[in-house]
Amino acid sequence: MPQLSKIRYCLTHIKLFDDFRPYTKVIKNKEVGHMTTVKDYIATHDDRLNFYTHAITNAHGQNHPEVFAVRGQYIRLRTAVNSDLSLDENFAELRQTTHDYAIPNDVCPVFKATYHMLATADKLNASA
């Protein structure tokens, strides 16, 4: 898929979430203060993270094959949350795969939002 088509794919599919544009500001300014646990955060953002981790595999998988691992790791994280297990190992894997949630220069806003949400969840887990 050419780069422009990948960007269009991401931008077309994020319209399902009306509040996408201010999303990173919402995370930084409001939501973290109101969330009490990482498990609450993951539960609240599960639909979005599930959709986004899938979308970035389609849009960026060819140039960033690590997104396939991120998708699998998110599914395992979600399972751990639902099973009430420790999340430390899951986040350690995500940090390693994403190089501490470093965002490449050639990615769409969905990719960026995905990594921001995962990093926020990781910070909540670390502060627990």
N, C-alpha and C. Protein backbone atom coordinates (compact mmCIF):
# COMPACT_ATOMS: atom_id res chain seq x y z
N MET A 1 0.86 -1.17 0.00
CA MET A 1 0.00 0.00 0.00
C MET A 1 0.91 1.24 0.00
N PRO A 2 0.76 2.14 -0.97
CA PRO A 2 1.58 3.36 -0.98
C PRO A 2 1.36 4.19 0.28
N GLN A 3 2.36 5.00 0.62
CA GLN A 3 2.32 5.78 1.86
C GLN A 3 1.08 6.66 1.97
N LEU A 4 0.70 7.34 0.90
CA LEU A 4 -0.48 8.20 0.94
C LEU A 4 -1.74 7.38 1.23
N SER A 5 -1.84 6.20 0.66
CA SER A 5 -2.99 5.34 0.93
C SER A 5 -3.02 4.90 2.38
N LYS A 6 -1.86 4.63 2.97
CA LYS A 6 -1.79 4.25 4.37
C LYS A 6 -2.29 5.37 5.27
N ILE A 7 -1.88 6.58 4.95
CA ILE A 7 -2.30 7.73 5.75
C ILE A 7 -3.81 7.93 5.60
N ARG A 8 -4.31 7.82 4.38
CA ARG A 8 -5.76 7.94 4.17
C ARG A 8 -6.52 6.87 4.94
N TYR A 9 -5.98 5.64 4.96
CA TYR A 9 -6.63 4.55 5.71
C TYR A 9 -6.75 4.94 7.18
N CYS A 10 -5.66 5.39 7.76
CA CYS A 10 -5.69 5.78 9.17
C CYS A 10 -6.67 6.92 9.40
N LEU A 11 -6.58 7.95 8.60
CA LEU A 11 -7.43 9.11 8.80
C LEU A 11 -8.89 8.80 8.56
N THR A 12 -9.19 7.93 7.61
CA THR A 12 -10.57 7.55 7.35
C THR A 12 -11.15 6.79 8.54
N HIS A 13 -10.37 5.89 9.09
CA HIS A 13 -10.88 5.04 10.15
C HIS A 13 -10.93 5.72 11.52
N ILE A 14 -10.17 6.76 11.72
CA ILE A 14 -10.26 7.43 13.02
C ILE A 14 -11.51 8.29 13.13
N LYS A 15 -12.22 8.49 12.03
CA LYS A 15 -13.47 9.25 12.10
C LYS A 15 -14.49 8.55 12.98
N LEU A 16 -14.29 7.26 13.23
CA LEU A 16 -15.19 6.54 14.13
C LEU A 16 -15.12 7.09 15.55
N PHE A 17 -14.03 7.78 15.85
CA PHE A 17 -13.83 8.33 17.18
C PHE A 17 -13.77 9.85 17.06
N ASP A 18 -14.88 10.51 17.32
CA ASP A 18 -15.01 11.95 17.11
C ASP A 18 -13.99 12.77 17.90
N ASP A 19 -13.63 12.30 19.06
CA ASP A 19 -12.76 13.09 19.94
C ASP A 19 -11.28 12.80 19.72
N PHE A 20 -10.90 12.29 18.55
CA PHE A 20 -9.51 11.92 18.32
C PHE A 20 -8.56 13.10 18.42
N ARG A 21 -8.90 14.22 17.79
CA ARG A 21 -7.95 15.33 17.70
C ARG A 21 -7.43 15.82 19.05
N PRO A 22 -8.26 16.02 20.03
CA PRO A 22 -7.70 16.47 21.31
C PRO A 22 -7.26 15.30 22.20
N TYR A 23 -7.20 14.10 21.64
CA TYR A 23 -7.03 12.92 22.48
C TYR A 23 -5.78 12.95 23.35
N THR A 24 -4.62 13.27 22.78
CA THR A 24 -3.41 13.24 23.60
C THR A 24 -3.46 14.29 24.70
N LYS A 25 -4.10 15.43 24.44
CA LYS A 25 -4.23 16.44 25.48
C LYS A 25 -5.17 15.95 26.58
N VAL A 26 -6.23 15.25 26.19
CA VAL A 26 -7.16 14.72 27.19
C VAL A 26 -6.44 13.74 28.10
N ILE A 27 -5.63 12.89 27.52
CA ILE A 27 -4.88 11.92 28.34
C ILE A 27 -3.99 12.65 29.33
N LYS A 28 -3.24 13.62 28.84
CA LYS A 28 -2.27 14.29 29.70
C LYS A 28 -2.93 15.17 30.75
N ASN A 29 -4.02 15.82 30.41
CA ASN A 29 -4.59 16.82 31.30
C ASN A 29 -5.71 16.32 32.20
N LYS A 30 -6.53 15.39 31.72
CA LYS A 30 -7.72 15.05 32.48
C LYS A 30 -7.77 13.60 32.92
N GLU A 31 -7.73 12.70 31.96
CA GLU A 31 -8.09 11.33 32.24
C GLU A 31 -7.20 10.65 33.25
N VAL A 32 -5.92 10.85 33.19
CA VAL A 32 -5.03 10.17 34.12
C VAL A 32 -5.36 10.54 35.55
N GLY A 33 -5.71 11.79 35.79
CA GLY A 33 -6.05 12.22 37.14
C GLY A 33 -7.31 11.55 37.65
N HIS A 34 -8.22 11.18 36.76
CA HIS A 34 -9.47 10.56 37.18
C HIS A 34 -9.40 9.04 37.20
N MET A 35 -8.43 8.46 36.55
CA MET A 35 -8.29 7.01 36.56
C MET A 35 -7.55 6.60 37.82
N THR A 36 -8.03 5.57 38.47
CA THR A 36 -7.37 5.15 39.69
C THR A 36 -6.37 4.04 39.44
N THR A 37 -6.60 3.21 38.44
CA THR A 37 -5.67 2.11 38.18
C THR A 37 -5.45 1.95 36.69
N VAL A 38 -4.36 1.26 36.37
CA VAL A 38 -4.08 0.95 34.98
C VAL A 38 -5.18 0.07 34.40
N LYS A 39 -5.73 -0.80 35.23
CA LYS A 39 -6.79 -1.68 34.74
C LYS A 39 -8.04 -0.89 34.36
N ASP A 40 -8.35 0.16 35.12
CA ASP A 40 -9.46 1.05 34.76
C ASP A 40 -9.16 1.75 33.43
N TYR A 41 -7.93 2.20 33.29
CA TYR A 41 -7.53 2.91 32.07
C TYR A 41 -7.66 2.00 30.85
N ILE A 42 -7.13 0.78 30.96
CA ILE A 42 -7.21 -0.17 29.84
C ILE A 42 -8.67 -0.49 29.53
N ALA A 43 -9.47 -0.72 30.55
CA ALA A 43 -10.88 -1.04 30.33
C ALA A 43 -11.60 0.11 29.62
N THR A 44 -11.31 1.33 30.04
CA THR A 44 -11.95 2.50 29.44
C THR A 44 -11.52 2.71 27.99
N HIS A 45 -10.27 2.39 27.67
CA HIS A 45 -9.73 2.64 26.34
C HIS A 45 -9.62 1.40 25.48
N ASP A 46 -10.21 0.29 25.92
CA ASP A 46 -10.05 -0.97 25.20
C ASP A 46 -10.57 -0.91 23.77
N ASP A 47 -11.74 -0.36 23.54
CA ASP A 47 -12.28 -0.31 22.17
C ASP A 47 -11.33 0.45 21.25
N ARG A 48 -10.86 1.56 21.72
CA ARG A 48 -9.97 2.40 20.91
C ARG A 48 -8.62 1.70 20.69
N LEU A 49 -8.03 1.16 21.74
CA LEU A 49 -6.74 0.48 21.60
C LEU A 49 -6.85 -0.77 20.73
N ASN A 50 -7.93 -1.49 20.88
CA ASN A 50 -8.13 -2.68 20.05
C ASN A 50 -8.22 -2.28 18.58
N PHE A 51 -9.00 -1.26 18.29
CA PHE A 51 -9.15 -0.79 16.92
C PHE A 51 -7.83 -0.22 16.38
N TYR A 52 -7.19 0.62 17.16
CA TYR A 52 -5.96 1.29 16.70
C TYR A 52 -4.81 0.31 16.49
N THR A 53 -4.63 -0.64 17.42
CA THR A 53 -3.52 -1.58 17.23
C THR A 53 -3.74 -2.42 15.98
N HIS A 54 -4.98 -2.69 15.64
CA HIS A 54 -5.26 -3.41 14.40
C HIS A 54 -5.03 -2.50 13.19
N ALA A 55 -5.50 -1.27 13.28
CA ALA A 55 -5.38 -0.33 12.15
C ALA A 55 -3.92 -0.05 11.79
N ILE A 56 -3.05 0.07 12.78
CA ILE A 56 -1.66 0.39 12.45
C ILE A 56 -0.92 -0.80 11.83
N THR A 57 -1.41 -2.02 12.07
CA THR A 57 -0.80 -3.16 11.37
C THR A 57 -1.10 -3.07 9.88
N ASN A 58 -2.32 -2.67 9.54
CA ASN A 58 -2.69 -2.53 8.13
C ASN A 58 -1.98 -1.36 7.47
N ALA A 59 -1.89 -0.26 8.16
CA ALA A 59 -1.34 0.96 7.56
C ALA A 59 0.18 1.02 7.58
N HIS A 60 0.80 0.45 8.60
CA HIS A 60 2.25 0.64 8.77
C HIS A 60 3.05 -0.66 8.88
N GLY A 61 2.40 -1.79 8.77
CA GLY A 61 3.08 -3.06 8.96
C GLY A 61 4.24 -3.30 8.01
N GLN A 62 4.13 -2.82 6.79
CA GLN A 62 5.19 -3.05 5.82
C GLN A 62 6.47 -2.30 6.20
N ASN A 63 6.35 -1.06 6.63
CA ASN A 63 7.52 -0.26 7.00
C ASN A 63 7.91 -0.39 8.46
N HIS A 64 6.97 -0.81 9.29
CA HIS A 64 7.21 -0.93 10.73
C HIS A 64 6.67 -2.27 11.22
N PRO A 65 7.38 -3.36 10.92
CA PRO A 65 6.86 -4.69 11.26
C PRO A 65 6.67 -4.91 12.76
N GLU A 66 7.25 -4.07 13.59
CA GLU A 66 7.08 -4.20 15.03
C GLU A 66 5.63 -3.99 15.46
N VAL A 67 4.82 -3.34 14.61
CA VAL A 67 3.43 -3.12 14.99
C VAL A 67 2.64 -4.42 15.10
N PHE A 68 3.08 -5.46 14.41
CA PHE A 68 2.43 -6.76 14.55
C PHE A 68 2.68 -7.32 15.95
N ALA A 69 3.89 -7.14 16.45
CA ALA A 69 4.21 -7.57 17.82
C ALA A 69 3.44 -6.71 18.83
N VAL A 70 3.34 -5.41 18.57
CA VAL A 70 2.59 -4.52 19.46
C VAL A 70 1.13 -4.98 19.53
N ARG A 71 0.57 -5.33 18.40
CA ARG A 71 -0.82 -5.82 18.39
C ARG A 71 -0.96 -7.07 19.26
N GLY A 72 -0.08 -8.04 19.07
CA GLY A 72 -0.12 -9.27 19.87
C GLY A 72 0.10 -9.00 21.34
N GLN A 73 1.01 -8.09 21.64
CA GLN A 73 1.29 -7.76 23.04
C GLN A 73 0.10 -7.04 23.67
N TYR A 74 -0.60 -6.23 22.89
CA TYR A 74 -1.79 -5.57 23.44
C TYR A 74 -2.86 -6.61 23.76
N ILE A 75 -3.05 -7.58 22.88
CA ILE A 75 -4.04 -8.64 23.13
C ILE A 75 -3.69 -9.39 24.41
N ARG A 76 -2.41 -9.70 24.61
CA ARG A 76 -1.98 -10.38 25.84
C ARG A 76 -2.16 -9.48 27.06
N LEU A 77 -1.90 -8.19 26.91
CA LEU A 77 -2.10 -7.24 28.00
C LEU A 77 -3.58 -7.20 28.40
N ARG A 78 -4.42 -7.15 27.43
CA ARG A 78 -5.86 -7.13 27.65
C ARG A 78 -6.33 -8.40 28.39
N THR A 79 -5.78 -9.53 27.99
CA THR A 79 -6.10 -10.79 28.66
C THR A 79 -5.62 -10.76 30.10
N ALA A 80 -4.43 -10.24 30.33
CA ALA A 80 -3.90 -10.14 31.69
C ALA A 80 -4.76 -9.23 32.56
N VAL A 81 -5.23 -8.13 31.99
CA VAL A 81 -6.11 -7.22 32.72
C VAL A 81 -7.39 -7.94 33.11
N ASN A 82 -7.97 -8.64 32.16
CA ASN A 82 -9.23 -9.35 32.43
C ASN A 82 -9.06 -10.52 33.39
N SER A 83 -7.85 -11.06 33.47
CA SER A 83 -7.57 -12.18 34.38
C SER A 83 -7.03 -11.72 35.72
N ASP A 84 -6.92 -10.40 35.88
CA ASP A 84 -6.42 -9.81 37.11
C ASP A 84 -4.99 -10.26 37.44
N LEU A 85 -4.15 -10.36 36.40
CA LEU A 85 -2.75 -10.75 36.55
C LEU A 85 -1.85 -9.52 36.61
N SER A 86 -0.62 -9.70 37.02
CA SER A 86 0.36 -8.62 37.01
C SER A 86 0.63 -8.22 35.56
N LEU A 87 0.80 -6.93 35.35
CA LEU A 87 1.01 -6.40 33.99
C LEU A 87 2.46 -6.00 33.73
N ASP A 88 3.32 -6.16 34.72
CA ASP A 88 4.71 -5.70 34.60
C ASP A 88 5.43 -6.32 33.40
N GLU A 89 5.29 -7.61 33.21
CA GLU A 89 5.97 -8.28 32.10
C GLU A 89 5.42 -7.82 30.76
N ASN A 90 4.11 -7.61 30.69
CA ASN A 90 3.49 -7.13 29.45
C ASN A 90 4.06 -5.77 29.05
N PHE A 91 4.15 -4.88 30.02
CA PHE A 91 4.66 -3.55 29.70
C PHE A 91 6.15 -3.56 29.41
N ALA A 92 6.89 -4.45 30.04
CA ALA A 92 8.32 -4.59 29.73
C ALA A 92 8.50 -4.99 28.27
N GLU A 93 7.67 -5.93 27.80
CA GLU A 93 7.73 -6.34 26.39
C GLU A 93 7.37 -5.19 25.47
N LEU A 94 6.32 -4.45 25.82
CA LEU A 94 5.92 -3.31 24.98
C LEU A 94 7.01 -2.24 24.92
N ARG A 95 7.64 -1.96 26.05
CA ARG A 95 8.73 -0.96 26.05
C ARG A 95 9.87 -1.41 25.16
N GLN A 96 10.20 -2.70 25.21
CA GLN A 96 11.29 -3.21 24.39
C GLN A 96 10.92 -3.16 22.90
N THR A 97 9.74 -3.61 22.57
CA THR A 97 9.30 -3.63 21.16
C THR A 97 9.20 -2.24 20.57
N THR A 98 8.69 -1.29 21.35
CA THR A 98 8.45 0.07 20.85
C THR A 98 9.63 1.01 21.10
N HIS A 99 10.71 0.49 21.67
CA HIS A 99 11.86 1.33 22.04
C HIS A 99 11.39 2.48 22.93
N ASP A 100 10.70 2.11 24.01
CA ASP A 100 10.14 3.06 24.97
C ASP A 100 9.14 4.01 24.32
N TYR A 101 8.31 3.44 23.47
CA TYR A 101 7.21 4.17 22.83
C TYR A 101 7.69 5.30 21.92
N ALA A 102 8.86 5.10 21.31
CA ALA A 102 9.40 6.09 20.36
C ALA A 102 8.54 6.07 19.10
N ILE A 103 8.16 7.24 18.64
CA ILE A 103 7.28 7.36 17.48
C ILE A 103 8.10 7.70 16.24
N PRO A 104 8.06 6.83 15.22
CA PRO A 104 8.79 7.11 13.98
C PRO A 104 8.26 8.37 13.30
N ASN A 105 9.08 8.94 12.45
CA ASN A 105 8.72 10.19 11.77
C ASN A 105 7.67 10.02 10.68
N ASP A 106 7.50 8.82 10.15
CA ASP A 106 6.66 8.62 8.97
C ASP A 106 5.31 7.95 9.27
N VAL A 107 4.77 8.22 10.44
CA VAL A 107 3.53 7.53 10.81
C VAL A 107 2.36 8.50 10.96
N CYS A 108 1.17 7.92 10.96
CA CYS A 108 -0.06 8.72 11.03
C CYS A 108 -0.44 9.02 12.48
N PRO A 109 -1.44 9.88 12.66
CA PRO A 109 -1.90 10.22 14.01
C PRO A 109 -2.42 9.02 14.81
N VAL A 110 -2.96 8.01 14.14
CA VAL A 110 -3.45 6.83 14.85
C VAL A 110 -2.28 6.09 15.50
N PHE A 111 -1.19 5.96 14.78
CA PHE A 111 0.01 5.32 15.32
C PHE A 111 0.48 6.08 16.56
N LYS A 112 0.55 7.39 16.42
CA LYS A 112 1.00 8.22 17.55
C LYS A 112 0.08 8.07 18.75
N ALA A 113 -1.22 8.13 18.52
CA ALA A 113 -2.18 7.99 19.62
C ALA A 113 -2.08 6.63 20.29
N THR A 114 -1.85 5.59 19.50
CA THR A 114 -1.71 4.24 20.05
C THR A 114 -0.54 4.19 21.02
N TYR A 115 0.60 4.69 20.59
CA TYR A 115 1.79 4.67 21.45
C TYR A 115 1.61 5.56 22.67
N HIS A 116 0.94 6.69 22.52
CA HIS A 116 0.68 7.57 23.66
C HIS A 116 -0.22 6.88 24.70
N MET A 117 -1.26 6.20 24.21
CA MET A 117 -2.14 5.50 25.15
C MET A 117 -1.42 4.36 25.86
N LEU A 118 -0.62 3.60 25.12
CA LEU A 118 0.12 2.50 25.74
C LEU A 118 1.14 3.04 26.75
N ALA A 119 1.80 4.15 26.42
CA ALA A 119 2.77 4.74 27.34
C ALA A 119 2.07 5.26 28.61
N THR A 120 0.89 5.83 28.44
CA THR A 120 0.13 6.31 29.60
C THR A 120 -0.25 5.15 30.51
N ALA A 121 -0.73 4.06 29.91
CA ALA A 121 -1.07 2.87 30.70
C ALA A 121 0.16 2.34 31.43
N ASP A 122 1.30 2.34 30.75
CA ASP A 122 2.55 1.87 31.36
C ASP A 122 2.92 2.74 32.56
N LYS A 123 2.79 4.05 32.42
CA LYS A 123 3.09 4.96 33.54
C LYS A 123 2.16 4.72 34.72
N LEU A 124 0.88 4.50 34.44
CA LEU A 124 -0.06 4.19 35.51
C LEU A 124 0.32 2.89 36.20
N ASN A 125 0.74 1.91 35.44
CA ASN A 125 1.15 0.64 36.01
C ASN A 125 2.38 0.81 36.89
N ALA A 126 3.32 1.61 36.43
CA ALA A 126 4.56 1.83 37.19
C ALA A 126 4.31 2.58 38.49
N SER A 127 3.28 3.43 38.49
CA SER A 127 3.01 4.22 39.70
C SER A 127 2.12 3.49 40.70
N ALA A 128 1.65 2.32 40.31
CA ALA A 128 0.75 1.55 41.21
C ALA A 128 1.53 0.90 42.35
